[in-house]
Amino acid sequence: MSDNIKKAVVSDWPDLLVIFSKSLRSTIDLSEEDWQKLYERAITHVYPESELYIFIKRNKNVAYIAYSKQEKTIKQLYVLPQYFNQGIGQKLMSYVIKQHPEPMKIGVRTDNDVALHIYTKFGFQKIKEEKYDSSGVYLPHYILERKA
C-alpha cells in the first residue's frame, strides 16, 4: 500500500484534531484553557478557511497541512509523533508549493529547530517574531516568508 496525499473534507476534521493534538502535545505543555483556544480556532477558522491536505500512510491519516489561499499562508502542518523524521512534512510542503507556486508565509515556533531548518530548505526566510498566536495563546514563533 502506497503513501498518498488527499484533499480533506469535513468528515476528516476529527482525525485532523487528533493529529494536531498529539503532535503539538508531544512538544509543548499548555494549560487546558489554552488548548481549548487552539482547538476552537482550528475548527472555527483554520479548517473552514483553508485547503486541507492529509498524508495517508498504510491507510491511516498521519499528517496534514492547512493552506489559506486568501492569506497565502500555511496555517498548520502537523505530523503524528510516531511518524516524525520520515520526510512526511517535507512531502506535504512540496505538495502545497507545487499547487500554489506563489509567495507564501508560515509560522514556526522559535524552539522548533527541525522545522525551521526544513522551511529554510524550501526558501523560507524569517521576517519577524511574534509572541502570541492568532488565538491569543502565548506561543513564541517566527513568521517566515517564501518568495515565488
N, C-alpha and C. Protein backbone atom coordinates (compact mmCIF):
# COMPACT_ATOMS: atom_id res chain seq x y z
N MET A 1 0.84 -1.17 0.00
CA MET A 1 0.00 0.00 0.00
C MET A 1 0.89 1.24 0.00
N SER A 2 0.57 2.15 -0.87
CA SER A 2 1.44 3.31 -1.00
C SER A 2 0.95 4.49 -0.17
N ASP A 3 1.84 5.42 0.03
CA ASP A 3 1.50 6.65 0.71
C ASP A 3 0.84 7.57 -0.31
N ASN A 4 -0.08 8.40 0.15
CA ASN A 4 -0.62 9.40 -0.75
C ASN A 4 -1.14 10.60 0.01
N ILE A 5 -1.46 11.63 -0.76
CA ILE A 5 -1.99 12.87 -0.20
C ILE A 5 -3.36 13.08 -0.82
N LYS A 6 -4.32 13.40 0.03
CA LYS A 6 -5.66 13.68 -0.48
C LYS A 6 -6.18 14.97 0.14
N LYS A 7 -7.10 15.59 -0.57
CA LYS A 7 -7.73 16.79 -0.03
C LYS A 7 -8.71 16.36 1.06
N ALA A 8 -8.66 17.03 2.19
CA ALA A 8 -9.51 16.68 3.33
C ALA A 8 -10.92 17.24 3.13
N VAL A 9 -11.87 16.57 3.73
CA VAL A 9 -13.26 17.02 3.78
C VAL A 9 -13.66 17.14 5.25
N VAL A 10 -14.83 17.72 5.49
CA VAL A 10 -15.27 17.97 6.87
C VAL A 10 -15.25 16.69 7.71
N SER A 11 -15.59 15.57 7.14
CA SER A 11 -15.60 14.32 7.92
C SER A 11 -14.20 13.89 8.37
N ASP A 12 -13.16 14.51 7.79
CA ASP A 12 -11.78 14.22 8.21
C ASP A 12 -11.35 15.07 9.40
N TRP A 13 -12.10 16.12 9.72
CA TRP A 13 -11.68 17.04 10.77
C TRP A 13 -11.39 16.37 12.11
N PRO A 14 -12.17 15.39 12.57
CA PRO A 14 -11.81 14.74 13.84
C PRO A 14 -10.41 14.12 13.80
N ASP A 15 -10.04 13.50 12.69
CA ASP A 15 -8.68 12.96 12.54
C ASP A 15 -7.65 14.08 12.59
N LEU A 16 -7.96 15.20 11.94
CA LEU A 16 -7.03 16.32 11.94
C LEU A 16 -6.80 16.84 13.35
N LEU A 17 -7.87 16.93 14.13
CA LEU A 17 -7.71 17.38 15.52
C LEU A 17 -6.87 16.42 16.35
N VAL A 18 -7.00 15.13 16.09
CA VAL A 18 -6.17 14.14 16.81
C VAL A 18 -4.70 14.33 16.43
N ILE A 19 -4.43 14.48 15.14
CA ILE A 19 -3.05 14.69 14.68
C ILE A 19 -2.50 15.97 15.29
N PHE A 20 -3.28 17.05 15.22
CA PHE A 20 -2.90 18.34 15.79
C PHE A 20 -2.55 18.20 17.27
N SER A 21 -3.46 17.59 18.03
CA SER A 21 -3.28 17.45 19.46
C SER A 21 -2.06 16.60 19.82
N LYS A 22 -1.97 15.41 19.22
CA LYS A 22 -0.86 14.52 19.56
C LYS A 22 0.48 15.12 19.16
N SER A 23 0.53 15.76 18.00
CA SER A 23 1.78 16.36 17.54
C SER A 23 2.22 17.49 18.46
N LEU A 24 1.32 18.44 18.70
CA LEU A 24 1.68 19.60 19.50
C LEU A 24 1.90 19.24 20.97
N ARG A 25 1.05 18.38 21.51
CA ARG A 25 1.20 17.99 22.92
C ARG A 25 2.51 17.22 23.16
N SER A 26 3.07 16.62 22.12
CA SER A 26 4.33 15.89 22.30
C SER A 26 5.52 16.84 22.40
N THR A 27 5.30 18.11 22.06
CA THR A 27 6.44 19.04 22.05
C THR A 27 6.29 20.24 22.99
N ILE A 28 5.06 20.53 23.44
CA ILE A 28 4.88 21.67 24.36
C ILE A 28 3.84 21.34 25.41
N ASP A 29 3.87 22.09 26.50
CA ASP A 29 2.93 21.92 27.59
C ASP A 29 2.15 23.23 27.74
N LEU A 30 0.83 23.14 27.59
CA LEU A 30 -0.04 24.31 27.71
C LEU A 30 -1.15 24.01 28.71
N SER A 31 -1.79 25.05 29.19
CA SER A 31 -2.95 24.87 30.07
C SER A 31 -4.11 24.35 29.24
N GLU A 32 -5.06 23.71 29.92
CA GLU A 32 -6.25 23.21 29.20
C GLU A 32 -7.02 24.37 28.57
N GLU A 33 -7.01 25.51 29.22
CA GLU A 33 -7.68 26.70 28.66
C GLU A 33 -7.03 27.09 27.33
N ASP A 34 -5.71 27.07 27.27
CA ASP A 34 -5.01 27.39 26.02
C ASP A 34 -5.28 26.34 24.95
N TRP A 35 -5.32 25.05 25.35
CA TRP A 35 -5.64 24.01 24.37
C TRP A 35 -7.01 24.25 23.77
N GLN A 36 -7.97 24.60 24.61
CA GLN A 36 -9.32 24.85 24.11
C GLN A 36 -9.34 26.01 23.12
N LYS A 37 -8.57 27.05 23.39
CA LYS A 37 -8.49 28.17 22.44
C LYS A 37 -7.92 27.71 21.10
N LEU A 38 -6.89 26.87 21.15
CA LEU A 38 -6.28 26.38 19.91
C LEU A 38 -7.24 25.50 19.13
N TYR A 39 -7.94 24.60 19.83
CA TYR A 39 -8.92 23.72 19.16
C TYR A 39 -10.03 24.54 18.52
N GLU A 40 -10.55 25.49 19.28
CA GLU A 40 -11.65 26.33 18.78
C GLU A 40 -11.22 27.10 17.54
N ARG A 41 -10.02 27.65 17.57
CA ARG A 41 -9.51 28.39 16.42
C ARG A 41 -9.38 27.47 15.21
N ALA A 42 -8.89 26.25 15.42
CA ALA A 42 -8.74 25.31 14.30
C ALA A 42 -10.09 25.02 13.67
N ILE A 43 -11.09 24.74 14.48
CA ILE A 43 -12.41 24.33 13.98
C ILE A 43 -13.18 25.51 13.38
N THR A 44 -13.06 26.69 13.97
CA THR A 44 -13.87 27.81 13.50
C THR A 44 -13.20 28.65 12.42
N HIS A 45 -11.87 28.63 12.35
CA HIS A 45 -11.18 29.48 11.39
C HIS A 45 -10.23 28.74 10.46
N VAL A 46 -9.30 28.00 11.03
CA VAL A 46 -8.26 27.39 10.20
C VAL A 46 -8.86 26.38 9.23
N TYR A 47 -9.58 25.40 9.73
CA TYR A 47 -10.09 24.34 8.84
C TYR A 47 -11.07 24.88 7.80
N PRO A 48 -12.08 25.67 8.19
CA PRO A 48 -13.03 26.12 7.17
C PRO A 48 -12.45 27.10 6.16
N GLU A 49 -11.38 27.81 6.53
CA GLU A 49 -10.83 28.85 5.65
C GLU A 49 -9.59 28.38 4.88
N SER A 50 -9.25 27.10 4.99
CA SER A 50 -8.02 26.60 4.38
C SER A 50 -8.29 25.43 3.44
N GLU A 51 -7.35 25.24 2.53
CA GLU A 51 -7.30 24.00 1.78
C GLU A 51 -6.53 23.03 2.67
N LEU A 52 -7.13 21.89 2.96
CA LEU A 52 -6.54 20.92 3.88
C LEU A 52 -6.13 19.68 3.10
N TYR A 53 -4.90 19.25 3.31
CA TYR A 53 -4.39 18.05 2.65
C TYR A 53 -3.88 17.10 3.71
N ILE A 54 -4.27 15.83 3.57
CA ILE A 54 -3.90 14.79 4.54
C ILE A 54 -2.89 13.86 3.89
N PHE A 55 -1.88 13.50 4.67
CA PHE A 55 -0.92 12.48 4.24
C PHE A 55 -1.38 11.15 4.82
N ILE A 56 -1.56 10.17 3.93
CA ILE A 56 -2.05 8.85 4.33
C ILE A 56 -0.92 7.84 4.17
N LYS A 57 -0.67 7.10 5.23
CA LYS A 57 0.36 6.06 5.21
C LYS A 57 -0.30 4.76 5.68
N ARG A 58 -0.24 3.73 4.84
CA ARG A 58 -0.86 2.44 5.15
C ARG A 58 -2.32 2.61 5.59
N ASN A 59 -3.06 3.38 4.82
CA ASN A 59 -4.50 3.63 5.06
C ASN A 59 -4.79 4.37 6.36
N LYS A 60 -3.81 5.07 6.91
CA LYS A 60 -4.02 5.83 8.14
C LYS A 60 -3.65 7.29 7.89
N ASN A 61 -4.51 8.21 8.36
CA ASN A 61 -4.21 9.63 8.28
C ASN A 61 -3.15 9.94 9.33
N VAL A 62 -1.96 10.36 8.88
CA VAL A 62 -0.85 10.54 9.82
C VAL A 62 -0.33 11.98 9.89
N ALA A 63 -0.76 12.83 8.95
CA ALA A 63 -0.28 14.21 8.95
C ALA A 63 -1.21 15.06 8.09
N TYR A 64 -1.13 16.36 8.28
CA TYR A 64 -1.90 17.25 7.42
C TYR A 64 -1.25 18.62 7.33
N ILE A 65 -1.67 19.35 6.31
CA ILE A 65 -1.23 20.72 6.12
C ILE A 65 -2.46 21.55 5.78
N ALA A 66 -2.52 22.76 6.32
CA ALA A 66 -3.63 23.67 6.08
C ALA A 66 -3.06 24.92 5.40
N TYR A 67 -3.53 25.19 4.18
CA TYR A 67 -3.06 26.34 3.43
C TYR A 67 -4.20 27.31 3.16
N SER A 68 -4.04 28.55 3.60
CA SER A 68 -5.02 29.59 3.33
C SER A 68 -4.62 30.31 2.04
N LYS A 69 -5.39 30.04 0.99
CA LYS A 69 -5.12 30.68 -0.30
C LYS A 69 -5.34 32.19 -0.21
N GLN A 70 -6.36 32.58 0.55
CA GLN A 70 -6.67 34.00 0.71
C GLN A 70 -5.51 34.75 1.39
N GLU A 71 -4.96 34.16 2.45
CA GLU A 71 -3.87 34.80 3.18
C GLU A 71 -2.49 34.43 2.64
N LYS A 72 -2.46 33.45 1.71
CA LYS A 72 -1.20 32.92 1.18
C LYS A 72 -0.27 32.52 2.33
N THR A 73 -0.85 31.70 3.21
CA THR A 73 -0.15 31.28 4.43
C THR A 73 -0.43 29.82 4.73
N ILE A 74 0.62 29.10 5.06
CA ILE A 74 0.46 27.75 5.60
C ILE A 74 0.11 27.95 7.07
N LYS A 75 -1.12 27.62 7.41
CA LYS A 75 -1.63 27.88 8.76
C LYS A 75 -1.22 26.80 9.75
N GLN A 76 -1.15 25.54 9.28
CA GLN A 76 -0.78 24.44 10.15
C GLN A 76 -0.11 23.35 9.33
N LEU A 77 0.84 22.69 9.97
CA LEU A 77 1.48 21.49 9.41
C LEU A 77 1.83 20.61 10.61
N TYR A 78 1.11 19.49 10.73
CA TYR A 78 1.31 18.61 11.88
C TYR A 78 1.43 17.16 11.43
N VAL A 79 2.28 16.42 12.14
CA VAL A 79 2.55 15.01 11.87
C VAL A 79 2.43 14.27 13.20
N LEU A 80 1.79 13.10 13.16
CA LEU A 80 1.74 12.27 14.38
C LEU A 80 3.16 11.98 14.85
N PRO A 81 3.42 12.03 16.16
CA PRO A 81 4.78 11.86 16.67
C PRO A 81 5.48 10.58 16.21
N GLN A 82 4.76 9.47 16.09
CA GLN A 82 5.43 8.23 15.67
C GLN A 82 5.88 8.28 14.22
N TYR A 83 5.50 9.32 13.48
CA TYR A 83 5.91 9.49 12.08
C TYR A 83 6.86 10.67 11.89
N PHE A 84 7.32 11.25 13.00
CA PHE A 84 8.31 12.33 12.90
C PHE A 84 9.56 11.81 12.19
N ASN A 85 10.28 12.70 11.56
CA ASN A 85 11.58 12.41 10.92
C ASN A 85 11.51 11.36 9.82
N GLN A 86 10.38 11.30 9.12
CA GLN A 86 10.24 10.38 8.00
C GLN A 86 10.01 11.12 6.68
N GLY A 87 10.17 12.45 6.70
CA GLY A 87 10.03 13.24 5.48
C GLY A 87 8.59 13.55 5.10
N ILE A 88 7.64 13.23 5.96
CA ILE A 88 6.23 13.44 5.63
C ILE A 88 5.89 14.92 5.57
N GLY A 89 6.39 15.69 6.51
CA GLY A 89 6.15 17.14 6.48
C GLY A 89 6.72 17.78 5.23
N GLN A 90 7.89 17.32 4.82
CA GLN A 90 8.51 17.84 3.60
C GLN A 90 7.67 17.48 2.37
N LYS A 91 7.09 16.29 2.35
CA LYS A 91 6.25 15.89 1.21
C LYS A 91 5.00 16.77 1.15
N LEU A 92 4.40 17.04 2.30
CA LEU A 92 3.22 17.91 2.32
C LEU A 92 3.59 19.33 1.88
N MET A 93 4.73 19.81 2.36
CA MET A 93 5.20 21.15 1.98
C MET A 93 5.43 21.22 0.47
N SER A 94 6.11 20.24 -0.08
CA SER A 94 6.35 20.20 -1.53
C SER A 94 5.04 20.20 -2.31
N TYR A 95 4.09 19.43 -1.83
CA TYR A 95 2.80 19.32 -2.49
C TYR A 95 2.10 20.68 -2.56
N VAL A 96 2.05 21.38 -1.43
CA VAL A 96 1.38 22.68 -1.38
C VAL A 96 2.12 23.70 -2.25
N ILE A 97 3.43 23.69 -2.22
CA ILE A 97 4.20 24.65 -3.04
C ILE A 97 3.96 24.38 -4.52
N LYS A 98 3.85 23.12 -4.91
CA LYS A 98 3.55 22.79 -6.31
C LYS A 98 2.14 23.24 -6.69
N GLN A 99 1.20 23.08 -5.77
CA GLN A 99 -0.18 23.51 -6.02
C GLN A 99 -0.32 25.03 -6.06
N HIS A 100 0.51 25.70 -5.28
CA HIS A 100 0.43 27.17 -5.13
C HIS A 100 1.83 27.78 -5.24
N PRO A 101 2.38 27.85 -6.46
CA PRO A 101 3.74 28.38 -6.63
C PRO A 101 3.76 29.91 -6.56
N GLU A 102 3.38 30.41 -5.41
CA GLU A 102 3.28 31.85 -5.18
C GLU A 102 4.01 32.19 -3.89
N PRO A 103 4.30 33.46 -3.67
CA PRO A 103 4.88 33.82 -2.37
C PRO A 103 3.92 33.38 -1.27
N MET A 104 4.47 32.88 -0.18
CA MET A 104 3.63 32.45 0.94
C MET A 104 4.39 32.60 2.25
N LYS A 105 3.63 32.53 3.33
CA LYS A 105 4.20 32.64 4.68
C LYS A 105 3.88 31.38 5.47
N ILE A 106 4.63 31.22 6.55
CA ILE A 106 4.39 30.13 7.50
C ILE A 106 4.91 30.59 8.86
N GLY A 107 4.28 30.10 9.91
CA GLY A 107 4.77 30.37 11.26
C GLY A 107 5.44 29.12 11.80
N VAL A 108 6.47 29.31 12.60
CA VAL A 108 7.16 28.18 13.22
C VAL A 108 7.60 28.61 14.62
N ARG A 109 7.35 27.72 15.59
CA ARG A 109 7.76 28.05 16.96
C ARG A 109 9.27 28.32 17.00
N THR A 110 9.65 29.25 17.83
CA THR A 110 11.06 29.64 17.92
C THR A 110 11.95 28.50 18.41
N ASP A 111 11.36 27.51 19.11
CA ASP A 111 12.15 26.40 19.62
C ASP A 111 12.12 25.17 18.71
N ASN A 112 11.50 25.28 17.53
CA ASN A 112 11.38 24.14 16.63
C ASN A 112 12.46 24.21 15.55
N ASP A 113 13.68 23.86 15.95
CA ASP A 113 14.83 23.95 15.05
C ASP A 113 14.71 23.03 13.84
N VAL A 114 14.13 21.85 14.01
CA VAL A 114 13.98 20.91 12.90
C VAL A 114 13.10 21.52 11.81
N ALA A 115 11.92 22.01 12.21
CA ALA A 115 11.01 22.61 11.22
C ALA A 115 11.63 23.86 10.59
N LEU A 116 12.29 24.67 11.39
CA LEU A 116 12.92 25.88 10.87
C LEU A 116 13.95 25.52 9.80
N HIS A 117 14.73 24.48 10.03
CA HIS A 117 15.72 24.02 9.06
C HIS A 117 15.04 23.57 7.76
N ILE A 118 13.96 22.79 7.91
CA ILE A 118 13.25 22.30 6.72
C ILE A 118 12.66 23.46 5.93
N TYR A 119 12.01 24.39 6.61
CA TYR A 119 11.38 25.51 5.90
C TYR A 119 12.43 26.36 5.19
N THR A 120 13.58 26.51 5.81
CA THR A 120 14.67 27.25 5.17
C THR A 120 15.11 26.57 3.88
N LYS A 121 15.14 25.23 3.89
CA LYS A 121 15.49 24.48 2.67
C LYS A 121 14.49 24.75 1.54
N PHE A 122 13.26 25.07 1.90
CA PHE A 122 12.23 25.38 0.90
C PHE A 122 12.24 26.86 0.49
N GLY A 123 13.21 27.61 1.00
CA GLY A 123 13.35 29.01 0.60
C GLY A 123 12.66 30.01 1.50
N PHE A 124 12.15 29.56 2.65
CA PHE A 124 11.52 30.49 3.59
C PHE A 124 12.60 31.22 4.38
N GLN A 125 12.34 32.50 4.66
CA GLN A 125 13.27 33.31 5.45
C GLN A 125 12.49 34.03 6.54
N LYS A 126 13.12 34.18 7.71
CA LYS A 126 12.49 34.88 8.83
C LYS A 126 12.23 36.33 8.45
N ILE A 127 11.02 36.79 8.75
CA ILE A 127 10.73 38.21 8.53
C ILE A 127 10.35 38.92 9.82
N LYS A 128 9.84 38.16 10.82
CA LYS A 128 9.54 38.76 12.12
C LYS A 128 9.32 37.68 13.16
N GLU A 129 9.26 38.13 14.41
CA GLU A 129 8.98 37.22 15.53
C GLU A 129 7.75 37.73 16.26
N GLU A 130 6.88 36.81 16.66
CA GLU A 130 5.68 37.16 17.42
C GLU A 130 5.63 36.31 18.69
N LYS A 131 4.99 36.83 19.71
CA LYS A 131 4.91 36.13 20.99
C LYS A 131 3.62 35.33 21.14
N TYR A 132 2.52 35.81 20.55
CA TYR A 132 1.22 35.16 20.70
C TYR A 132 0.71 34.69 19.35
N ASP A 133 0.01 33.54 19.35
CA ASP A 133 -0.57 33.07 18.10
C ASP A 133 -1.91 33.77 17.88
N SER A 134 -2.58 33.46 16.79
CA SER A 134 -3.81 34.16 16.43
C SER A 134 -4.98 33.88 17.37
N SER A 135 -4.87 32.87 18.22
CA SER A 135 -5.94 32.59 19.19
C SER A 135 -5.64 33.24 20.54
N GLY A 136 -4.53 33.97 20.64
CA GLY A 136 -4.18 34.66 21.88
C GLY A 136 -3.36 33.83 22.85
N VAL A 137 -2.90 32.66 22.43
CA VAL A 137 -2.09 31.79 23.29
C VAL A 137 -0.63 32.21 23.17
N TYR A 138 0.04 32.29 24.33
CA TYR A 138 1.47 32.62 24.32
C TYR A 138 2.22 31.46 23.68
N LEU A 139 2.73 31.70 22.48
CA LEU A 139 3.40 30.67 21.69
C LEU A 139 4.42 31.38 20.81
N PRO A 140 5.60 31.71 21.37
CA PRO A 140 6.59 32.45 20.58
C PRO A 140 6.92 31.74 19.27
N HIS A 141 6.87 32.50 18.18
CA HIS A 141 7.10 31.91 16.86
C HIS A 141 7.65 32.96 15.89
N TYR A 142 8.29 32.44 14.87
CA TYR A 142 8.77 33.28 13.78
C TYR A 142 7.74 33.23 12.66
N ILE A 143 7.63 34.31 11.93
CA ILE A 143 6.91 34.32 10.67
C ILE A 143 7.98 34.27 9.59
N LEU A 144 7.84 33.30 8.70
CA LEU A 144 8.77 33.14 7.59
C LEU A 144 8.03 33.41 6.29
N GLU A 145 8.78 33.87 5.31
CA GLU A 145 8.18 34.14 4.01
C GLU A 145 9.02 33.49 2.92
N ARG A 146 8.32 33.00 1.92
CA ARG A 146 8.97 32.39 0.75
C ARG A 146 8.56 33.18 -0.47
N LYS A 147 9.54 33.64 -1.22
CA LYS A 147 9.27 34.33 -2.48
C LYS A 147 8.99 33.27 -3.55
N ALA A 148 8.20 33.63 -4.53
CA ALA A 148 7.87 32.66 -5.60
C ALA A 148 9.09 32.32 -6.43
